[in-house]
Amino acid sequence: MRQLHSIDPGYRALVIGASGGIGSAFARLLAADPACSEVITLSRGVDGLDVTAEDSVADHAERLSGGSFSIILCATGALTIDGQGPEKTIKRLDGAAMARQFSLNAIGPALVMKHFLPLMPKAGRSLFGVLSAKVGSISDNQLGGWISYRASKAALNQILRT
Protein backbone atom coordinates (compact mmCIF):
# COMPACT_ATOMS: atom_id res chain seq x y z
CA MET A 1 0.00 0.00 0.00
CA ARG A 2 1.27 3.43 -0.83
CA GLN A 3 1.60 5.63 2.18
CA LEU A 4 -1.25 8.02 2.69
CA HIS A 5 1.01 11.05 2.28
CA SER A 6 -1.79 13.50 2.93
CA ILE A 7 -2.33 12.01 6.39
CA ASP A 8 0.12 12.94 9.13
CA PRO A 9 2.82 10.38 9.96
CA GLY A 10 1.94 8.41 13.07
CA TYR A 11 -1.74 8.49 12.23
CA ARG A 12 -4.25 6.19 13.92
CA ALA A 13 -6.86 4.25 11.96
CA LEU A 14 -10.13 2.59 12.87
CA VAL A 15 -11.77 -0.11 10.77
CA ILE A 16 -15.39 -0.94 11.59
CA GLY A 17 -16.53 -4.25 10.18
CA ALA A 18 -13.01 -5.67 10.40
CA SER A 19 -14.04 -9.31 10.70
CA GLY A 20 -15.37 -9.40 7.14
CA GLY A 21 -13.26 -9.98 4.06
CA ILE A 22 -13.06 -6.36 2.89
CA GLY A 23 -12.74 -4.89 6.39
CA SER A 24 -9.97 -7.28 7.36
CA ALA A 25 -8.12 -6.50 4.11
CA PHE A 26 -8.31 -2.77 4.89
CA ALA A 27 -7.03 -3.40 8.42
CA ARG A 28 -4.06 -5.42 7.10
CA LEU A 29 -3.18 -2.76 4.52
CA LEU A 30 -3.33 0.03 7.07
CA ALA A 31 -1.25 -1.98 9.56
CA ALA A 32 1.40 -2.47 6.85
CA ASP A 33 1.69 1.29 6.26
CA PRO A 34 4.85 2.50 8.08
CA ALA A 35 3.19 5.87 8.67
CA CYS A 36 0.34 4.26 10.62
CA SER A 37 1.01 4.04 14.34
CA GLU A 38 -2.08 2.02 15.30
CA VAL A 39 -5.03 0.25 13.73
CA ILE A 40 -8.05 -0.41 15.93
CA THR A 41 -10.62 -2.87 14.62
CA LEU A 42 -14.24 -3.36 15.59
CA SER A 43 -16.81 -5.86 14.43
CA ARG A 44 -20.08 -7.41 15.45
CA GLY A 45 -18.65 -10.92 15.75
CA VAL A 46 -15.58 -10.05 17.80
CA ASP A 47 -16.51 -6.88 19.70
CA GLY A 48 -20.31 -6.93 19.71
CA LEU A 49 -20.63 -3.73 17.69
CA ASP A 50 -24.07 -3.79 16.08
CA VAL A 51 -24.32 -0.86 13.67
CA THR A 52 -28.09 -1.36 13.48
CA ALA A 53 -28.44 -0.50 17.19
CA GLU A 54 -27.64 3.10 18.08
CA ASP A 55 -26.88 2.27 21.72
CA SER A 56 -24.22 -0.20 20.58
CA VAL A 57 -22.66 2.32 18.19
CA ALA A 58 -22.68 5.08 20.81
CA ASP A 59 -21.19 2.78 23.46
CA HIS A 60 -18.31 1.66 21.23
CA ALA A 61 -17.58 5.24 20.17
CA GLU A 62 -17.54 6.33 23.83
CA ARG A 63 -15.04 3.59 24.66
CA LEU A 64 -12.65 5.02 22.06
CA SER A 65 -13.16 8.68 22.92
CA GLY A 66 -9.72 9.01 24.53
CA GLY A 67 -7.94 9.58 21.22
CA SER A 68 -8.51 10.64 17.66
CA PHE A 69 -8.41 8.73 14.39
CA SER A 70 -7.17 10.23 11.15
CA ILE A 71 -8.77 7.41 9.17
CA ILE A 72 -12.08 5.72 9.92
CA LEU A 73 -13.38 3.10 7.50
CA CYS A 74 -16.84 1.62 7.89
CA ALA A 75 -16.74 -1.69 6.02
CA THR A 76 -20.14 -3.00 7.06
CA GLY A 77 -23.05 -4.15 4.94
CA ALA A 78 -24.52 -7.23 3.31
CA LEU A 79 -26.30 -8.37 0.19
CA THR A 80 -27.87 -11.38 1.91
CA ILE A 81 -29.31 -10.92 5.40
CA ASP A 82 -30.82 -13.69 7.52
CA GLY A 83 -30.63 -16.03 4.54
CA GLN A 84 -32.69 -13.72 2.33
CA GLY A 85 -30.87 -12.71 -0.84
CA PRO A 86 -31.66 -10.02 -3.37
CA GLU A 87 -35.03 -9.94 -5.14
CA LYS A 88 -35.07 -10.57 -8.88
CA THR A 89 -38.46 -8.91 -9.30
CA ILE A 90 -40.81 -6.55 -7.47
CA LYS A 91 -43.10 -9.53 -6.87
CA ARG A 92 -40.49 -10.91 -4.45
CA LEU A 93 -40.22 -7.69 -2.41
CA ASP A 94 -40.61 -8.30 1.32
CA GLY A 95 -41.06 -5.24 3.52
CA ALA A 96 -39.30 -6.72 6.56
CA ALA A 97 -36.32 -7.86 4.46
CA MET A 98 -36.15 -4.41 2.86
CA ALA A 99 -36.15 -2.75 6.29
CA ARG A 100 -33.23 -4.98 7.35
CA GLN A 101 -31.31 -3.95 4.21
CA PHE A 102 -31.83 -0.27 5.00
CA SER A 103 -30.97 -0.79 8.65
CA LEU A 104 -27.63 -2.45 7.91
CA ASN A 105 -26.58 -0.79 4.65
CA ALA A 106 -27.76 2.81 5.12
CA ILE A 107 -28.86 3.61 8.67
CA GLY A 108 -25.96 1.70 10.26
CA PRO A 109 -23.24 3.71 8.49
CA ALA A 110 -25.18 6.93 9.24
CA LEU A 111 -25.12 6.04 12.95
CA VAL A 112 -21.41 5.30 12.69
CA MET A 113 -20.91 8.76 11.18
CA LYS A 114 -22.98 10.38 13.92
CA HIS A 115 -21.03 8.81 16.76
CA PHE A 116 -17.53 8.28 15.34
CA LEU A 117 -16.93 11.49 13.33
CA PRO A 118 -16.36 13.39 16.61
CA LEU A 119 -13.32 11.10 17.13
CA MET A 120 -11.59 12.61 14.12
CA PRO A 121 -9.16 15.54 14.43
CA LYS A 122 -10.60 19.02 14.01
CA ALA A 123 -7.51 20.21 12.10
CA GLY A 124 -5.32 18.61 9.48
CA ARG A 125 -6.22 15.95 6.99
CA SER A 126 -8.41 12.99 7.78
CA LEU A 127 -10.45 10.41 5.89
CA PHE A 128 -13.82 8.85 6.68
CA GLY A 129 -14.93 6.17 4.24
CA VAL A 130 -17.79 3.72 3.89
CA LEU A 131 -18.43 0.86 1.50
CA SER A 132 -21.15 1.40 -1.04
CA ALA A 133 -21.77 -0.39 -4.32
CA LYS A 134 -22.01 0.51 -7.97
CA VAL A 135 -25.49 -1.01 -8.02
CA GLY A 136 -26.50 1.81 -5.65
CA SER A 137 -26.19 4.24 -8.55
CA ILE A 138 -29.57 5.48 -9.75
CA SER A 139 -28.20 6.32 -13.20
CA ASP A 140 -26.41 2.98 -13.63
CA ASN A 141 -29.22 0.47 -13.26
CA GLN A 142 -29.31 -1.38 -16.56
CA LEU A 143 -30.41 -4.76 -15.22
CA GLY A 144 -32.88 -3.93 -12.48
CA GLY A 145 -33.59 -6.35 -9.65
CA TRP A 146 -31.92 -6.39 -6.24
CA ILE A 147 -34.44 -3.74 -5.23
CA SER A 148 -33.85 -3.59 -1.47
CA TYR A 149 -30.06 -3.78 -1.69
CA ARG A 150 -29.83 -1.21 -4.52
CA ALA A 151 -32.19 1.16 -2.72
CA SER A 152 -30.28 0.84 0.57
CA LYS A 153 -26.96 1.61 -1.15
CA ALA A 154 -28.52 4.53 -3.04
CA ALA A 155 -29.75 5.83 0.33
CA LEU A 156 -26.24 5.42 1.75
CA ASN A 157 -24.79 7.40 -1.15
CA GLN A 158 -27.27 10.21 -0.49
CA ILE A 159 -26.51 10.20 3.22
CA LEU A 160 -22.81 10.63 2.40
CA ARG A 161 -23.49 13.47 -0.04
CA THR A 162 -25.67 15.21 2.53
C-alpha atoms as a PDB file:
ATOM      1  CA  MET A   1       0.000   0.000   0.000  1.00  0.00           C
ATOM      2  CA  ARG A   2       1.273   3.432  -0.833  1.00  0.00           C
ATOM      3  CA  GLN A   3       1.598   5.626   2.183  1.00  0.00           C
ATOM      4  CA  LEU A   4      -1.246   8.022   2.687  1.00  0.00           C
ATOM      5  CA  HIS A   5       1.008  11.053   2.284  1.00  0.00           C
ATOM      6  CA  SER A   6      -1.792  13.496   2.930  1.00  0.00           C
ATOM      7  CA  ILE A   7      -2.333  12.014   6.391  1.00  0.00           C
ATOM      8  CA  ASP A   8       0.123  12.943   9.129  1.00  0.00           C
ATOM      9  CA  PRO A   9       2.818  10.375   9.955  1.00  0.00           C
ATOM     10  CA  GLY A  10       1.941   8.409  13.067  1.00  0.00           C
ATOM     11  CA  TYR A  11      -1.742   8.490  12.225  1.00  0.00           C
ATOM     12  CA  ARG A  12      -4.247   6.190  13.923  1.00  0.00           C
ATOM     13  CA  ALA A  13      -6.857   4.250  11.957  1.00  0.00           C
ATOM     14  CA  LEU A  14     -10.134   2.593  12.872  1.00  0.00           C
ATOM     15  CA  VAL A  15     -11.772  -0.111  10.766  1.00  0.00           C
ATOM     16  CA  ILE A  16     -15.387  -0.942  11.590  1.00  0.00           C
ATOM     17  CA  GLY A  17     -16.532  -4.252  10.183  1.00  0.00           C
ATOM     18  CA  ALA A  18     -13.015  -5.666  10.399  1.00  0.00           C
ATOM     19  CA  SER A  19     -14.036  -9.312  10.698  1.00  0.00           C
ATOM     20  CA  GLY A  20     -15.366  -9.399   7.143  1.00  0.00           C
ATOM     21  CA  GLY A  21     -13.262  -9.982   4.063  1.00  0.00           C
ATOM     22  CA  ILE A  22     -13.063  -6.364   2.889  1.00  0.00           C
ATOM     23  CA  GLY A  23     -12.741  -4.887   6.385  1.00  0.00           C
ATOM     24  CA  SER A  24      -9.966  -7.281   7.360  1.00  0.00           C
ATOM     25  CA  ALA A  25      -8.115  -6.503   4.108  1.00  0.00           C
ATOM     26  CA  PHE A  26      -8.308  -2.773   4.886  1.00  0.00           C
ATOM     27  CA  ALA A  27      -7.030  -3.403   8.416  1.00  0.00           C
ATOM     28  CA  ARG A  28      -4.060  -5.421   7.097  1.00  0.00           C
ATOM     29  CA  LEU A  29      -3.179  -2.760   4.520  1.00  0.00           C
ATOM     30  CA  LEU A  30      -3.331   0.029   7.073  1.00  0.00           C
ATOM     31  CA  ALA A  31      -1.245  -1.975   9.562  1.00  0.00           C
ATOM     32  CA  ALA A  32       1.398  -2.467   6.848  1.00  0.00           C
ATOM     33  CA  ASP A  33       1.694   1.293   6.263  1.00  0.00           C
ATOM     34  CA  PRO A  34       4.852   2.502   8.077  1.00  0.00           C
ATOM     35  CA  ALA A  35       3.189   5.868   8.670  1.00  0.00           C
ATOM     36  CA  CYS A  36       0.339   4.260  10.618  1.00  0.00           C
ATOM     37  CA  SER A  37       1.014   4.038  14.338  1.00  0.00           C
ATOM     38  CA  GLU A  38      -2.076   2.023  15.304  1.00  0.00           C
ATOM     39  CA  VAL A  39      -5.030   0.247  13.733  1.00  0.00           C
ATOM     40  CA  ILE A  40      -8.048  -0.408  15.931  1.00  0.00           C
ATOM     41  CA  THR A  41     -10.618  -2.871  14.619  1.00  0.00           C
ATOM     42  CA  LEU A  42     -14.239  -3.355  15.595  1.00  0.00           C
ATOM     43  CA  SER A  43     -16.814  -5.857  14.429  1.00  0.00           C
ATOM     44  CA  ARG A  44     -20.083  -7.415  15.447  1.00  0.00           C
ATOM     45  CA  GLY A  45     -18.655 -10.922  15.750  1.00  0.00           C
ATOM     46  CA  VAL A  46     -15.575 -10.051  17.805  1.00  0.00           C
ATOM     47  CA  ASP A  47     -16.507  -6.883  19.697  1.00  0.00           C
ATOM     48  CA  GLY A  48     -20.309  -6.934  19.706  1.00  0.00           C
ATOM     49  CA  LEU A  49     -20.631  -3.726  17.688  1.00  0.00           C
ATOM     50  CA  ASP A  50     -24.071  -3.793  16.077  1.00  0.00           C
ATOM     51  CA  VAL A  51     -24.317  -0.859  13.670  1.00  0.00           C
ATOM     52  CA  THR A  52     -28.087  -1.362  13.484  1.00  0.00           C
ATOM     53  CA  ALA A  53     -28.443  -0.500  17.194  1.00  0.00           C
ATOM     54  CA  GLU A  54     -27.639   3.103  18.082  1.00  0.00           C
ATOM     55  CA  ASP A  55     -26.880   2.274  21.724  1.00  0.00           C
ATOM     56  CA  SER A  56     -24.217  -0.201  20.583  1.00  0.00           C
ATOM     57  CA  VAL A  57     -22.656   2.319  18.191  1.00  0.00           C
ATOM     58  CA  ALA A  58     -22.677   5.083  20.809  1.00  0.00           C
ATOM     59  CA  ASP A  59     -21.190   2.776  23.462  1.00  0.00           C
ATOM     60  CA  HIS A  60     -18.312   1.662  21.226  1.00  0.00           C
ATOM     61  CA  ALA A  61     -17.581   5.244  20.175  1.00  0.00           C
ATOM     62  CA  GLU A  62     -17.541   6.331  23.825  1.00  0.00           C
ATOM     63  CA  ARG A  63     -15.039   3.592  24.665  1.00  0.00           C
ATOM     64  CA  LEU A  64     -12.648   5.019  22.060  1.00  0.00           C
ATOM     65  CA  SER A  65     -13.161   8.684  22.920  1.00  0.00           C
ATOM     66  CA  GLY A  66      -9.724   9.012  24.532  1.00  0.00           C
ATOM     67  CA  GLY A  67      -7.943   9.584  21.221  1.00  0.00           C
ATOM     68  CA  SER A  68      -8.511  10.643  17.661  1.00  0.00           C
ATOM     69  CA  PHE A  69      -8.415   8.728  14.392  1.00  0.00           C
ATOM     70  CA  SER A  70      -7.165  10.234  11.150  1.00  0.00           C
ATOM     71  CA  ILE A  71      -8.775   7.407   9.170  1.00  0.00           C
ATOM     72  CA  ILE A  72     -12.079   5.724   9.916  1.00  0.00           C
ATOM     73  CA  LEU A  73     -13.381   3.099   7.505  1.00  0.00           C
ATOM     74  CA  CYS A  74     -16.843   1.618   7.885  1.00  0.00           C
ATOM     75  CA  ALA A  75     -16.744  -1.692   6.016  1.00  0.00           C
ATOM     76  CA  THR A  76     -20.139  -3.001   7.064  1.00  0.00           C
ATOM     77  CA  GLY A  77     -23.049  -4.147   4.943  1.00  0.00           C
ATOM     78  CA  ALA A  78     -24.519  -7.225   3.314  1.00  0.00           C
ATOM     79  CA  LEU A  79     -26.300  -8.372   0.190  1.00  0.00           C
ATOM     80  CA  THR A  80     -27.873 -11.380   1.912  1.00  0.00           C
ATOM     81  CA  ILE A  81     -29.315 -10.917   5.402  1.00  0.00           C
ATOM     82  CA  ASP A  82     -30.821 -13.687   7.519  1.00  0.00           C
ATOM     83  CA  GLY A  83     -30.626 -16.030   4.535  1.00  0.00           C
ATOM     84  CA  GLN A  84     -32.686 -13.724   2.334  1.00  0.00           C
ATOM     85  CA  GLY A  85     -30.873 -12.713  -0.835  1.00  0.00           C
ATOM     86  CA  PRO A  86     -31.663 -10.020  -3.369  1.00  0.00           C
ATOM     87  CA  GLU A  87     -35.030  -9.941  -5.143  1.00  0.00           C
ATOM     88  CA  LYS A  88     -35.068 -10.573  -8.879  1.00  0.00           C
ATOM     89  CA  THR A  89     -38.460  -8.908  -9.305  1.00  0.00           C
ATOM     90  CA  ILE A  90     -40.809  -6.547  -7.466  1.00  0.00           C
ATOM     91  CA  LYS A  91     -43.099  -9.526  -6.867  1.00  0.00           C
ATOM     92  CA  ARG A  92     -40.491 -10.909  -4.447  1.00  0.00           C
ATOM     93  CA  LEU A  93     -40.222  -7.694  -2.411  1.00  0.00           C
ATOM     94  CA  ASP A  94     -40.606  -8.299   1.321  1.00  0.00           C
ATOM     95  CA  GLY A  95     -41.055  -5.239   3.523  1.00  0.00           C
ATOM     96  CA  ALA A  96     -39.305  -6.718   6.555  1.00  0.00           C
ATOM     97  CA  ALA A  97     -36.316  -7.856   4.464  1.00  0.00           C
ATOM     98  CA  MET A  98     -36.145  -4.407   2.860  1.00  0.00           C
ATOM     99  CA  ALA A  99     -36.146  -2.748   6.289  1.00  0.00           C
ATOM    100  CA  ARG A 100     -33.228  -4.978   7.354  1.00  0.00           C
ATOM    101  CA  GLN A 101     -31.306  -3.953   4.211  1.00  0.00           C
ATOM    102  CA  PHE A 102     -31.827  -0.269   4.998  1.00  0.00           C
ATOM    103  CA  SER A 103     -30.969  -0.785   8.654  1.00  0.00           C
ATOM    104  CA  LEU A 104     -27.626  -2.448   7.906  1.00  0.00           C
ATOM    105  CA  ASN A 105     -26.577  -0.785   4.654  1.00  0.00           C
ATOM    106  CA  ALA A 106     -27.760   2.814   5.118  1.00  0.00           C
ATOM    107  CA  ILE A 107     -28.860   3.614   8.670  1.00  0.00           C
ATOM    108  CA  GLY A 108     -25.963   1.703  10.256  1.00  0.00           C
ATOM    109  CA  PRO A 109     -23.235   3.712   8.487  1.00  0.00           C
ATOM    110  CA  ALA A 110     -25.178   6.926   9.241  1.00  0.00           C
ATOM    111  CA  LEU A 111     -25.123   6.038  12.948  1.00  0.00           C
ATOM    112  CA  VAL A 112     -21.411   5.299  12.693  1.00  0.00           C
ATOM    113  CA  MET A 113     -20.909   8.758  11.182  1.00  0.00           C
ATOM    114  CA  LYS A 114     -22.977  10.383  13.921  1.00  0.00           C
ATOM    115  CA  HIS A 115     -21.029   8.809  16.764  1.00  0.00           C
ATOM    116  CA  PHE A 116     -17.532   8.278  15.335  1.00  0.00           C
ATOM    117  CA  LEU A 117     -16.934  11.485  13.327  1.00  0.00           C
ATOM    118  CA  PRO A 118     -16.359  13.385  16.612  1.00  0.00           C
ATOM    119  CA  LEU A 119     -13.323  11.096  17.135  1.00  0.00           C
ATOM    120  CA  MET A 120     -11.585  12.614  14.122  1.00  0.00           C
ATOM    121  CA  PRO A 121      -9.165  15.540  14.426  1.00  0.00           C
ATOM    122  CA  LYS A 122     -10.600  19.020  14.006  1.00  0.00           C
ATOM    123  CA  ALA A 123      -7.510  20.213  12.097  1.00  0.00           C
ATOM    124  CA  GLY A 124      -5.318  18.605   9.480  1.00  0.00           C
ATOM    125  CA  ARG A 125      -6.223  15.952   6.990  1.00  0.00           C
ATOM    126  CA  SER A 126      -8.408  12.988   7.781  1.00  0.00           C
ATOM    127  CA  LEU A 127     -10.449  10.415   5.894  1.00  0.00           C
ATOM    128  CA  PHE A 128     -13.817   8.854   6.679  1.00  0.00           C
ATOM    129  CA  GLY A 129     -14.932   6.170   4.238  1.00  0.00           C
ATOM    130  CA  VAL A 130     -17.792   3.721   3.892  1.00  0.00           C
ATOM    131  CA  LEU A 131     -18.430   0.855   1.499  1.00  0.00           C
ATOM    132  CA  SER A 132     -21.148   1.400  -1.035  1.00  0.00           C
ATOM    133  CA  ALA A 133     -21.770  -0.394  -4.320  1.00  0.00           C
ATOM    134  CA  LYS A 134     -22.011   0.513  -7.971  1.00  0.00           C
ATOM    135  CA  VAL A 135     -25.495  -1.012  -8.024  1.00  0.00           C
ATOM    136  CA  GLY A 136     -26.505   1.809  -5.651  1.00  0.00           C
ATOM    137  CA  SER A 137     -26.195   4.244  -8.549  1.00  0.00           C
ATOM    138  CA  ILE A 138     -29.570   5.477  -9.747  1.00  0.00           C
ATOM    139  CA  SER A 139     -28.202   6.319 -13.200  1.00  0.00           C
ATOM    140  CA  ASP A 140     -26.405   2.978 -13.628  1.00  0.00           C
ATOM    141  CA  ASN A 141     -29.224   0.473 -13.260  1.00  0.00           C
ATOM    142  CA  GLN A 142     -29.306  -1.384 -16.557  1.00  0.00           C
ATOM    143  CA  LEU A 143     -30.411  -4.764 -15.219  1.00  0.00           C
ATOM    144  CA  GLY A 144     -32.885  -3.926 -12.477  1.00  0.00           C
ATOM    145  CA  GLY A 145     -33.589  -6.352  -9.653  1.00  0.00           C
ATOM    146  CA  TRP A 146     -31.920  -6.385  -6.241  1.00  0.00           C
ATOM    147  CA  ILE A 147     -34.442  -3.738  -5.232  1.00  0.00           C
ATOM    148  CA  SER A 148     -33.852  -3.590  -1.471  1.00  0.00           C
ATOM    149  CA  TYR A 149     -30.058  -3.775  -1.693  1.00  0.00           C
ATOM    150  CA  ARG A 150     -29.834  -1.210  -4.515  1.00  0.00           C
ATOM    151  CA  ALA A 151     -32.186   1.165  -2.719  1.00  0.00           C
ATOM    152  CA  SER A 152     -30.278   0.844   0.575  1.00  0.00           C
ATOM    153  CA  LYS A 153     -26.960   1.608  -1.145  1.00  0.00           C
ATOM    154  CA  ALA A 154     -28.523   4.534  -3.035  1.00  0.00           C
ATOM    155  CA  ALA A 155     -29.747   5.831   0.329  1.00  0.00           C
ATOM    156  CA  LEU A 156     -26.240   5.420   1.750  1.00  0.00           C
ATOM    157  CA  ASN A 157     -24.790   7.396  -1.146  1.00  0.00           C
ATOM    158  CA  GLN A 158     -27.268  10.207  -0.494  1.00  0.00           C
ATOM    159  CA  ILE A 159     -26.507  10.195   3.222  1.00  0.00           C
ATOM    160  CA  LEU A 160     -22.815  10.634   2.396  1.00  0.00           C
ATOM    161  CA  ARG A 161     -23.494  13.472  -0.037  1.00  0.00           C
ATOM    162  CA  THR A 162     -25.666  15.209   2.528  1.00  0.00           C
END
